[in-house]
Amino acid sequence: MNQDKSADCHADCSSSAELLNHDCFCKTLDSSQLNKILQSDNINQDILISHPQLFSNTTVFISPAQQQQMHDIVRAVERVVALPAYQREILARAPAIAVFNPGTAGVFMGYDFHLSESGPKVIEINTNAGGAFLNSVLASAQTECCRAAGHLVPRLKPRLDQEFIAMFKHEWQLAHGDKPLTSVAIVDENPTQQFLYPEFKMAQRLFEREGIVAVIADPSELYLSEQRLFCQGKAIDLVYNRLTDFSLVGESLNILRQAYIQNLIVLTPNPHQHALYADKRNLIILSDEQRLKELGASAQDCAILRAGIPPTQAVRAHNAPHLWAERRQLFFKPASGFGSRAAYRGDKITKRVWDEILQSDYVAQQIVLPSERGILVDRTPTALKMDIRAYVYRGHIQLIAARLYQGQTTNFRTQGGGFAPVFVAA
């Protein structure tokens, strides 16, 4: 058992994920191992000082049944998204650029779950979900705790590195067959100022180890020459898209938008994938059993999604009085939002904010309260909320991680909080 453990665990910890999350106060993070891996990825160890709440010291547990339910939900969503009738309906209201389908699948799809008494519930689906590289490191830097019965948690990073690089190569092959991928640009606005910039460096290092030229760039650094996209003097094959301008409408994205539309690069993820998966209005359909049946979904998928996605509806003038009356049971999200920006729990909404919501494009989702993870903060037992994120490629869950926090939404500012690895408690 971890020698840093500061409290005894419940006697039945080893047999129950719920009890482990509630009563196991083990500190499982091996900081020396984490530092060693970060050094190997050319990441300055100061990240642990500059980002003190990026990594939690503990582990989160789910049951085998919860793991299977997550897999079932992800696969059901994938099958629905593939339905021609679903795609016609979604793309009819999407931006014009989203109709263009270059045939790729989109790296690092993120399915965010809350764990309810009746099973995992999808709160939202995201393209370009952040944190996968960091969480692969975190999962590889854990020691055993009371759950382990003598078994160390597996060292995951080498396997995941290969899975991640294979994913990017497959995106390239979908567009260019056997032609080798030679160069990648990791693109975001002001990348060095982004909170997750350290994982841009990790991605860059991974590409370079595979012999692939990799640059980290602001979109303003991109330029076109002789029907090629260039960045920092290098011709670019593939752009790993970390932008939150999902439709590429900003003026600073003109060059990237041209390169994408003219098929000069592979852009992953791209506007087509965002429209089909991550627009919050999609949850209205995915949580509506009758609508799913009309679109051609199977009875099995309808049942899985009815159980796995909270009822969601558009906020419109005609239902505004009802939604206001029921607001304490609802969470309000902008249709094209990300990262919990401008999202509100109904019981926290003022009349001023409500008026702003009515002037915008919002959805109202039935609240599923997050479950909790018990940790020690200054030796005091403390309950933190947790979200569970599944990183997905082509319907396959690559990695499951948690974010621990206090407050309305995940924030990476909570003492003891941050990313935490997720393991299945047998």
Protein backbone atom coordinates (compact mmCIF):
# COMPACT_ATOMS: atom_id res chain seq x y z
CA MET A 1 0.00 0.00 0.00
CA ASN A 2 1.22 3.51 -0.74
CA GLN A 3 3.32 4.70 2.18
CA ASP A 4 2.06 8.28 1.71
CA LYS A 5 -1.48 7.18 2.47
CA SER A 6 -2.81 9.35 5.31
CA ALA A 7 -6.01 7.52 6.21
CA ASP A 8 -7.26 3.97 6.34
CA CYS A 9 -9.57 2.83 3.59
CA HIS A 10 -12.91 1.20 4.12
CA ALA A 11 -12.60 -2.54 4.70
CA ASP A 12 -14.62 -3.32 1.56
CA CYS A 13 -12.76 -0.88 -0.73
CA SER A 14 -11.32 -3.53 -3.00
CA SER A 15 -14.71 -4.81 -4.15
CA SER A 16 -16.56 -1.62 -5.02
CA ALA A 17 -15.71 1.32 -7.27
CA GLU A 18 -18.21 3.46 -5.41
CA LEU A 19 -16.68 2.66 -2.03
CA LEU A 20 -13.20 3.24 -3.40
CA ASN A 21 -14.16 6.67 -4.71
CA HIS A 22 -15.79 7.52 -1.40
CA ASP A 23 -13.43 6.01 1.15
CA CYS A 24 -10.03 5.36 -0.43
CA PHE A 25 -7.69 8.26 0.35
CA CYS A 26 -4.55 6.73 -1.16
CA LYS A 27 -2.17 9.09 -2.92
CA THR A 28 -1.20 7.03 -5.93
CA LEU A 29 0.74 9.55 -8.04
CA ASP A 30 4.45 8.67 -8.28
CA SER A 31 5.87 12.17 -8.74
CA SER A 32 9.37 10.96 -9.51
CA GLN A 33 8.06 8.68 -12.27
CA LEU A 34 5.92 11.53 -13.62
CA ASN A 35 8.93 13.85 -13.70
CA LYS A 36 10.98 11.18 -15.49
CA ILE A 37 8.35 10.78 -18.22
CA LEU A 38 7.90 14.54 -18.60
CA GLN A 39 11.66 14.92 -19.04
CA SER A 40 11.67 12.22 -21.71
CA ASP A 41 8.98 14.22 -23.55
CA ASN A 42 11.14 17.36 -23.33
CA ILE A 43 8.66 18.97 -20.94
CA ASN A 44 10.09 21.24 -18.26
CA GLN A 45 9.37 19.90 -14.78
CA ASP A 46 8.27 23.40 -13.82
CA ILE A 47 4.86 22.42 -15.19
CA LEU A 48 4.17 20.92 -11.77
CA ILE A 49 4.81 24.37 -10.29
CA SER A 50 3.18 26.50 -12.97
CA HIS A 51 0.16 24.15 -13.15
CA PRO A 52 -0.25 23.02 -9.51
CA GLN A 53 -3.80 21.75 -10.03
CA LEU A 54 -3.21 20.07 -13.38
CA PHE A 55 -2.70 16.60 -11.88
CA SER A 56 -4.48 15.15 -8.87
CA ASN A 57 -2.57 12.83 -6.52
CA THR A 58 -5.28 10.19 -6.58
CA THR A 59 -7.02 7.69 -8.82
CA VAL A 60 -10.69 7.39 -9.81
CA PHE A 61 -12.46 4.04 -10.13
CA ILE A 62 -15.32 2.79 -12.26
CA SER A 63 -17.00 -0.59 -12.29
CA PRO A 64 -16.80 -3.08 -15.18
CA ALA A 65 -20.49 -2.42 -15.82
CA GLN A 66 -19.89 1.34 -16.09
CA GLN A 67 -17.00 0.76 -18.45
CA GLN A 68 -19.19 -1.45 -20.67
CA GLN A 69 -22.02 1.10 -20.63
CA MET A 70 -19.60 3.80 -21.82
CA HIS A 71 -18.46 1.56 -24.67
CA ASP A 72 -22.08 0.81 -25.60
CA ILE A 73 -23.06 4.50 -25.62
CA VAL A 74 -20.07 5.51 -27.76
CA ARG A 75 -20.80 2.79 -30.31
CA ALA A 76 -24.50 3.66 -30.41
CA VAL A 77 -23.67 7.32 -31.10
CA GLU A 78 -21.28 6.25 -33.86
CA ARG A 79 -23.97 4.15 -35.52
CA VAL A 80 -26.55 6.96 -35.33
CA VAL A 81 -24.11 9.53 -36.71
CA ALA A 82 -23.50 7.22 -39.68
CA LEU A 83 -27.22 7.20 -40.60
CA PRO A 84 -27.86 9.14 -43.85
CA ALA A 85 -31.07 10.68 -42.47
CA TYR A 86 -29.24 11.92 -39.35
CA GLN A 87 -26.48 13.47 -41.44
CA ARG A 88 -28.98 15.18 -43.75
CA GLU A 89 -30.78 16.76 -40.81
CA ILE A 90 -27.65 17.91 -39.03
CA LEU A 91 -25.85 19.27 -42.09
CA ALA A 92 -28.96 21.13 -43.26
CA ARG A 93 -28.52 23.56 -40.35
CA ALA A 94 -24.72 23.44 -40.16
CA PRO A 95 -22.33 26.09 -41.56
CA ALA A 96 -21.56 25.59 -45.24
CA ILE A 97 -17.96 24.56 -44.53
CA ALA A 98 -19.25 21.64 -42.42
CA VAL A 99 -20.95 20.04 -45.42
CA PHE A 100 -17.54 19.38 -46.98
CA ASN A 101 -16.48 15.86 -45.96
CA PRO A 102 -12.82 15.04 -46.61
CA GLY A 103 -13.36 11.47 -45.46
CA THR A 104 -11.34 11.49 -42.24
CA ALA A 105 -12.63 10.40 -38.81
CA GLY A 106 -11.29 13.07 -36.43
CA VAL A 107 -8.69 12.50 -33.71
CA PHE A 108 -9.43 12.62 -29.98
CA MET A 109 -13.21 12.73 -29.90
CA GLY A 110 -14.18 13.38 -26.29
CA TYR A 111 -17.26 11.91 -24.61
CA ASP A 112 -17.82 13.55 -21.21
CA PHE A 113 -19.80 11.54 -18.65
CA HIS A 114 -21.32 12.01 -15.23
CA LEU A 115 -21.79 8.81 -13.24
CA SER A 116 -25.36 8.51 -12.01
CA GLU A 117 -26.99 5.77 -9.95
CA SER A 118 -28.48 4.40 -13.17
CA GLY A 119 -25.19 4.46 -15.08
CA PRO A 120 -22.95 6.85 -17.02
CA LYS A 121 -24.68 9.80 -18.71
CA VAL A 122 -23.17 11.73 -21.63
CA ILE A 123 -23.13 15.41 -20.70
CA GLU A 124 -21.56 16.47 -23.98
CA ILE A 125 -19.46 15.30 -26.91
CA ASN A 126 -16.43 17.29 -28.03
CA THR A 127 -14.06 17.32 -30.96
CA ASN A 128 -10.39 18.19 -30.30
CA ALA A 129 -10.77 17.08 -26.67
CA GLY A 130 -7.69 18.15 -24.71
CA GLY A 131 -5.68 16.20 -22.18
CA ALA A 132 -5.09 12.82 -23.82
CA PHE A 133 -1.29 13.13 -23.91
CA LEU A 134 -1.16 14.39 -20.34
CA ASN A 135 -3.46 11.66 -19.10
CA SER A 136 -1.43 8.95 -20.81
CA VAL A 137 1.57 10.16 -18.79
CA LEU A 138 -0.46 10.38 -15.61
CA ALA A 139 -1.77 6.83 -15.95
CA SER A 140 1.80 5.62 -16.38
CA ALA A 141 3.01 7.26 -13.17
CA GLN A 142 0.81 5.57 -10.57
CA THR A 143 1.61 3.31 -7.63
CA GLU A 144 -0.67 0.66 -6.19
CA CYS A 145 -3.20 1.48 -3.49
CA CYS A 146 -5.62 -0.45 -1.31
CA ARG A 147 -7.52 -1.68 -4.39
CA ALA A 148 -4.53 -3.43 -5.88
CA ALA A 149 -4.15 -6.66 -3.87
CA GLY A 150 -0.51 -6.75 -4.89
CA HIS A 151 -0.96 -5.62 -8.48
CA LEU A 152 0.69 -2.46 -9.77
CA VAL A 153 -1.36 -0.40 -12.17
CA PRO A 154 -0.13 -0.94 -15.75
CA ARG A 155 2.42 1.31 -17.41
CA LEU A 156 0.26 2.60 -20.24
CA LYS A 157 2.25 5.29 -21.98
CA PRO A 158 4.34 3.29 -24.49
CA ARG A 159 1.26 1.47 -25.76
CA LEU A 160 -0.79 4.68 -25.97
CA ASP A 161 2.00 6.54 -27.76
CA GLN A 162 1.86 3.93 -30.51
CA GLU A 163 -1.92 4.04 -30.61
CA PHE A 164 -1.93 7.84 -30.85
CA ILE A 165 0.64 7.96 -33.66
CA ALA A 166 -1.21 5.20 -35.53
CA MET A 167 -4.37 7.31 -35.26
CA PHE A 168 -2.76 10.32 -36.92
CA LYS A 169 -1.21 8.15 -39.61
CA HIS A 170 -4.59 6.56 -40.28
CA GLU A 171 -6.17 10.01 -40.70
CA TRP A 172 -3.52 10.73 -43.33
CA GLN A 173 -4.00 7.36 -45.04
CA LEU A 174 -7.76 7.89 -45.31
CA ALA A 175 -6.97 10.83 -47.58
CA HIS A 176 -3.68 9.79 -49.20
CA GLY A 177 -3.41 6.01 -49.06
CA ASP A 178 0.11 4.65 -48.66
CA LYS A 179 1.87 7.97 -49.18
CA PRO A 180 3.96 8.61 -46.03
CA LEU A 181 3.03 11.33 -43.54
CA THR A 182 6.08 13.58 -43.27
CA SER A 183 5.02 16.79 -41.50
CA VAL A 184 2.47 18.01 -38.96
CA ALA A 185 1.50 21.43 -37.62
CA ILE A 186 -0.14 21.60 -34.19
CA VAL A 187 -2.26 24.74 -34.49
CA ASP A 188 -4.00 26.89 -31.91
CA GLU A 189 -4.42 30.59 -31.23
CA ASN A 190 -1.42 31.84 -29.25
CA PRO A 191 -0.35 28.28 -28.48
CA THR A 192 2.34 29.12 -25.91
CA GLN A 193 -0.32 30.90 -23.83
CA GLN A 194 -2.74 27.98 -23.81
CA PHE A 195 -3.21 26.18 -20.49
CA LEU A 196 -2.56 22.81 -22.14
CA TYR A 197 0.47 24.00 -24.13
CA PRO A 198 2.63 21.35 -22.39
CA GLU A 199 0.76 18.62 -24.21
CA PHE A 200 1.37 20.36 -27.53
CA LYS A 201 5.06 19.83 -26.73
CA MET A 202 4.35 16.18 -25.92
CA ALA A 203 2.58 15.69 -29.23
CA GLN A 204 5.44 17.39 -31.06
CA ARG A 205 7.95 15.10 -29.38
CA LEU A 206 5.90 12.02 -30.29
CA PHE A 207 5.80 12.98 -33.97
CA GLU A 208 9.51 13.72 -34.01
CA ARG A 209 10.34 10.32 -32.52
CA GLU A 210 8.47 8.81 -35.48
CA GLY A 211 10.56 10.80 -37.95
CA ILE A 212 7.71 13.24 -38.67
CA VAL A 213 8.57 16.96 -38.75
CA ALA A 214 6.31 18.75 -36.24
CA VAL A 215 5.80 22.45 -35.50
CA ILE A 216 3.57 24.24 -33.00
CA ALA A 217 2.05 27.35 -34.50
CA ASP A 218 -0.48 30.14 -34.37
CA PRO A 219 -2.66 30.21 -37.50
CA SER A 220 -1.05 33.54 -38.45
CA GLU A 221 2.18 31.62 -39.16
CA LEU A 222 0.57 29.60 -41.96
CA TYR A 223 0.98 30.57 -45.64
CA LEU A 224 0.32 29.07 -49.05
CA SER A 225 2.88 28.59 -51.79
CA GLU A 226 2.70 26.47 -54.95
CA GLN A 227 -0.43 24.65 -53.78
CA ARG A 228 1.11 23.67 -50.46
CA LEU A 229 0.55 24.90 -46.93
CA PHE A 230 3.73 26.08 -45.22
CA CYS A 231 4.58 26.95 -41.62
CA GLN A 232 7.92 28.12 -40.25
CA GLY A 233 9.50 27.35 -43.62
CA LYS A 234 8.24 23.75 -43.72
CA ALA A 235 5.63 22.23 -46.06
CA ILE A 236 2.78 20.80 -43.98
CA ASP A 237 0.90 17.56 -44.68
CA LEU A 238 -1.47 17.41 -41.70
CA VAL A 239 -2.79 19.98 -39.23
CA TYR A 240 -3.63 18.74 -35.74
CA ASN A 241 -6.44 21.20 -35.02
CA ARG A 242 -6.66 22.51 -31.44
CA LEU A 243 -8.68 25.62 -32.38
CA THR A 244 -12.02 26.40 -30.78
CA ASP A 245 -13.26 28.27 -33.85
CA PHE A 246 -14.88 25.08 -35.06
CA SER A 247 -16.14 26.46 -38.38
CA LEU A 248 -12.92 28.33 -39.23
CA VAL A 249 -14.76 31.63 -39.62
CA GLY A 250 -12.21 33.96 -38.01
CA GLU A 251 -10.22 36.26 -40.25
CA SER A 252 -6.96 34.88 -38.84
CA LEU A 253 -7.97 31.44 -40.17
CA ASN A 254 -8.30 32.46 -43.83
CA ILE A 255 -5.19 30.58 -44.94
CA LEU A 256 -6.06 27.45 -42.98
CA ARG A 257 -9.61 27.55 -44.32
CA GLN A 258 -8.38 27.81 -47.91
CA ALA A 259 -5.93 24.95 -47.45
CA TYR A 260 -8.67 22.78 -45.97
CA ILE A 261 -11.32 23.51 -48.59
CA GLN A 262 -8.81 23.01 -51.43
CA ASN A 263 -7.73 19.65 -49.96
CA LEU A 264 -4.15 20.83 -49.61
CA ILE A 265 -3.89 19.37 -46.12
CA VAL A 266 -5.54 16.87 -43.83
CA LEU A 267 -7.22 18.82 -41.01
CA THR A 268 -8.13 16.74 -37.98
CA PRO A 269 -10.56 17.20 -36.35
CA ASN A 270 -12.45 19.33 -38.84
CA PRO A 271 -15.74 21.29 -39.18
CA HIS A 272 -17.61 18.30 -40.65
CA GLN A 273 -16.88 16.17 -37.59
CA HIS A 274 -17.74 18.98 -35.21
CA ALA A 275 -21.12 19.48 -36.85
CA LEU A 276 -22.02 15.78 -36.73
CA TYR A 277 -20.86 15.13 -33.17
CA ALA A 278 -20.18 18.19 -31.05
CA ASP A 279 -22.85 20.78 -31.76
CA LYS A 280 -24.90 20.77 -28.54
CA ARG A 281 -28.13 20.78 -30.56
CA ASN A 282 -27.31 17.21 -31.60
CA LEU A 283 -28.07 16.12 -28.04
CA ILE A 284 -31.70 17.06 -28.67
CA ILE A 285 -31.92 14.33 -31.31
CA LEU A 286 -29.66 11.83 -29.55
CA SER A 287 -31.80 11.97 -26.41
CA ASP A 288 -35.15 11.75 -28.27
CA GLU A 289 -36.12 8.09 -28.75
CA GLN A 290 -38.97 8.83 -31.15
CA ARG A 291 -36.82 11.07 -33.34
CA LEU A 292 -34.07 8.46 -33.42
CA LYS A 293 -36.55 5.83 -34.61
CA GLU A 294 -37.73 8.17 -37.37
CA LEU A 295 -34.15 8.61 -38.53
CA GLY A 296 -33.64 4.86 -38.75
CA ALA A 297 -31.84 4.02 -35.50
CA SER A 298 -32.21 0.46 -34.24
CA ALA A 299 -34.36 -0.32 -31.22
CA GLN A 300 -31.22 -1.33 -29.33
CA ASP A 301 -29.45 1.95 -30.04
CA CYS A 302 -32.57 3.93 -29.12
CA ALA A 303 -32.68 2.17 -25.76
CA ILE A 304 -28.96 2.69 -25.11
CA LEU A 305 -29.11 6.40 -25.89
CA ARG A 306 -32.37 6.93 -23.99
CA ALA A 307 -30.61 5.56 -20.92
CA GLY A 308 -27.25 7.22 -21.61
CA ILE A 309 -28.05 10.80 -22.69
CA PRO A 310 -30.11 13.17 -20.48
CA PRO A 311 -33.19 14.69 -22.15
CA THR A 312 -32.19 17.87 -23.98
CA GLN A 313 -34.28 20.52 -25.70
CA ALA A 314 -33.78 23.76 -27.57
CA VAL A 315 -34.44 27.01 -25.72
CA ARG A 316 -37.06 28.89 -27.69
CA ALA A 317 -39.59 31.62 -27.02
CA HIS A 318 -42.51 29.15 -27.01
CA ASN A 319 -41.05 26.96 -24.23
CA ALA A 320 -39.23 29.70 -22.30
CA PRO A 321 -41.88 30.03 -19.54
CA HIS A 322 -41.80 26.27 -18.91
CA LEU A 323 -37.99 26.12 -18.93
CA TRP A 324 -37.78 29.05 -16.52
CA ALA A 325 -40.20 27.33 -14.17
CA GLU A 326 -38.19 24.09 -14.35
CA ARG A 327 -34.77 25.74 -14.44
CA ARG A 328 -33.52 24.18 -11.18
CA GLN A 329 -33.55 20.78 -12.88
CA LEU A 330 -31.79 22.05 -16.02
CA PHE A 331 -28.35 22.98 -17.27
CA PHE A 332 -28.17 25.59 -20.05
CA LYS A 333 -25.43 25.42 -22.71
CA PRO A 334 -24.70 27.45 -25.86
CA ALA A 335 -25.16 25.31 -28.96
CA SER A 336 -21.66 25.98 -30.24
CA GLY A 337 -19.92 26.43 -26.89
CA PHE A 338 -16.94 24.59 -25.45
CA GLY A 339 -15.15 24.20 -22.16
CA SER A 340 -18.22 25.16 -20.06
CA ARG A 341 -18.01 28.75 -21.33
CA ALA A 342 -21.30 30.63 -20.93
CA ALA A 343 -22.91 27.46 -19.52
CA TYR A 344 -25.15 27.81 -16.48
CA ARG A 345 -26.86 25.67 -13.91
CA GLY A 346 -30.48 26.71 -13.84
CA ASP A 347 -30.55 27.36 -10.10
CA LYS A 348 -27.73 29.91 -10.56
CA ILE A 349 -29.34 31.90 -13.38
CA THR A 350 -30.39 35.51 -12.82
CA LYS A 351 -33.08 37.23 -14.85
CA ARG A 352 -30.39 39.21 -16.66
CA VAL A 353 -28.58 36.02 -17.73
CA TRP A 354 -31.90 34.41 -18.67
CA ASP A 355 -32.68 37.31 -21.00
CA GLU A 356 -29.25 36.85 -22.61
CA ILE A 357 -29.90 33.13 -23.07
CA LEU A 358 -33.21 33.85 -24.81
CA GLN A 359 -31.38 36.10 -27.28
CA SER A 360 -28.86 33.37 -28.11
CA ASP A 361 -28.85 29.77 -29.34
CA TYR A 362 -29.00 27.56 -26.24
CA VAL A 363 -30.03 24.07 -25.24
CA ALA A 364 -31.44 22.99 -21.90
CA GLN A 365 -30.28 19.62 -20.60
CA GLN A 366 -31.68 17.76 -17.62
CA ILE A 367 -29.14 18.02 -14.82
CA VAL A 368 -27.20 14.89 -13.91
CA LEU A 369 -25.22 15.76 -10.82
CA PRO A 370 -21.58 14.68 -10.94
CA SER A 371 -20.50 11.90 -8.61
CA GLU A 372 -17.77 12.54 -6.05
CA ARG A 373 -14.25 11.42 -5.23
CA GLY A 374 -13.00 11.60 -1.67
CA ILE A 375 -9.48 13.00 -1.22
CA LEU A 376 -7.40 14.46 1.59
CA VAL A 377 -6.75 18.20 1.44
CA ASP A 378 -4.38 19.27 4.22
CA ARG A 379 -5.18 15.93 5.88
CA THR A 380 -8.90 16.76 5.87
CA PRO A 381 -11.27 14.40 4.01
CA THR A 382 -12.81 16.42 1.16
CA ALA A 383 -15.30 15.46 -1.56
CA LEU A 384 -14.54 16.70 -5.07
CA LYS A 385 -16.87 16.47 -8.03
CA MET A 386 -15.73 14.42 -10.99
CA ASP A 387 -16.32 14.32 -14.72
CA ILE A 388 -15.24 11.28 -16.71
CA ARG A 389 -13.85 11.77 -20.22
CA ALA A 390 -13.47 8.97 -22.76
CA TYR A 391 -11.04 9.72 -25.58
CA VAL A 392 -12.39 8.03 -28.68
CA TYR A 393 -11.24 7.35 -32.22
CA ARG A 394 -13.59 5.72 -34.73
CA GLY A 395 -15.83 4.40 -31.96
CA HIS A 396 -12.93 2.88 -29.97
CA ILE A 397 -12.21 4.18 -26.48
CA GLN A 398 -8.47 4.71 -26.23
CA LEU A 399 -8.27 6.15 -22.73
CA ILE A 400 -10.62 7.09 -19.89
CA ALA A 401 -9.65 9.91 -17.52
CA ALA A 402 -11.28 12.01 -14.83
CA ARG A 403 -11.28 15.68 -13.94
CA LEU A 404 -11.71 16.49 -10.23
CA TYR A 405 -12.98 19.91 -9.19
CA GLN A 406 -15.19 22.05 -7.00
CA GLY A 407 -17.64 24.65 -8.27
CA GLN A 408 -20.08 24.68 -11.17
CA THR A 409 -17.71 23.33 -13.84
CA THR A 410 -14.25 21.83 -14.25
CA ASN A 411 -11.66 24.53 -13.70
CA PHE A 412 -8.16 23.18 -12.79
CA ARG A 413 -8.11 25.61 -9.88
CA THR A 414 -9.24 23.31 -7.08
CA GLN A 415 -6.71 22.24 -4.46
CA GLY A 416 -6.26 18.48 -4.82
CA GLY A 417 -8.11 18.50 -8.13
CA GLY A 418 -7.07 18.19 -11.77
CA PHE A 419 -6.70 15.23 -14.09
CA ALA A 420 -6.88 11.80 -12.46
CA PRO A 421 -6.44 8.37 -14.05
CA VAL A 422 -9.46 6.07 -14.21
CA PHE A 423 -9.13 2.35 -13.54
CA VAL A 424 -11.69 -0.42 -13.45
CA ALA A 425 -12.28 -1.88 -9.97
CA ALA A 426 -12.95 -5.55 -10.53
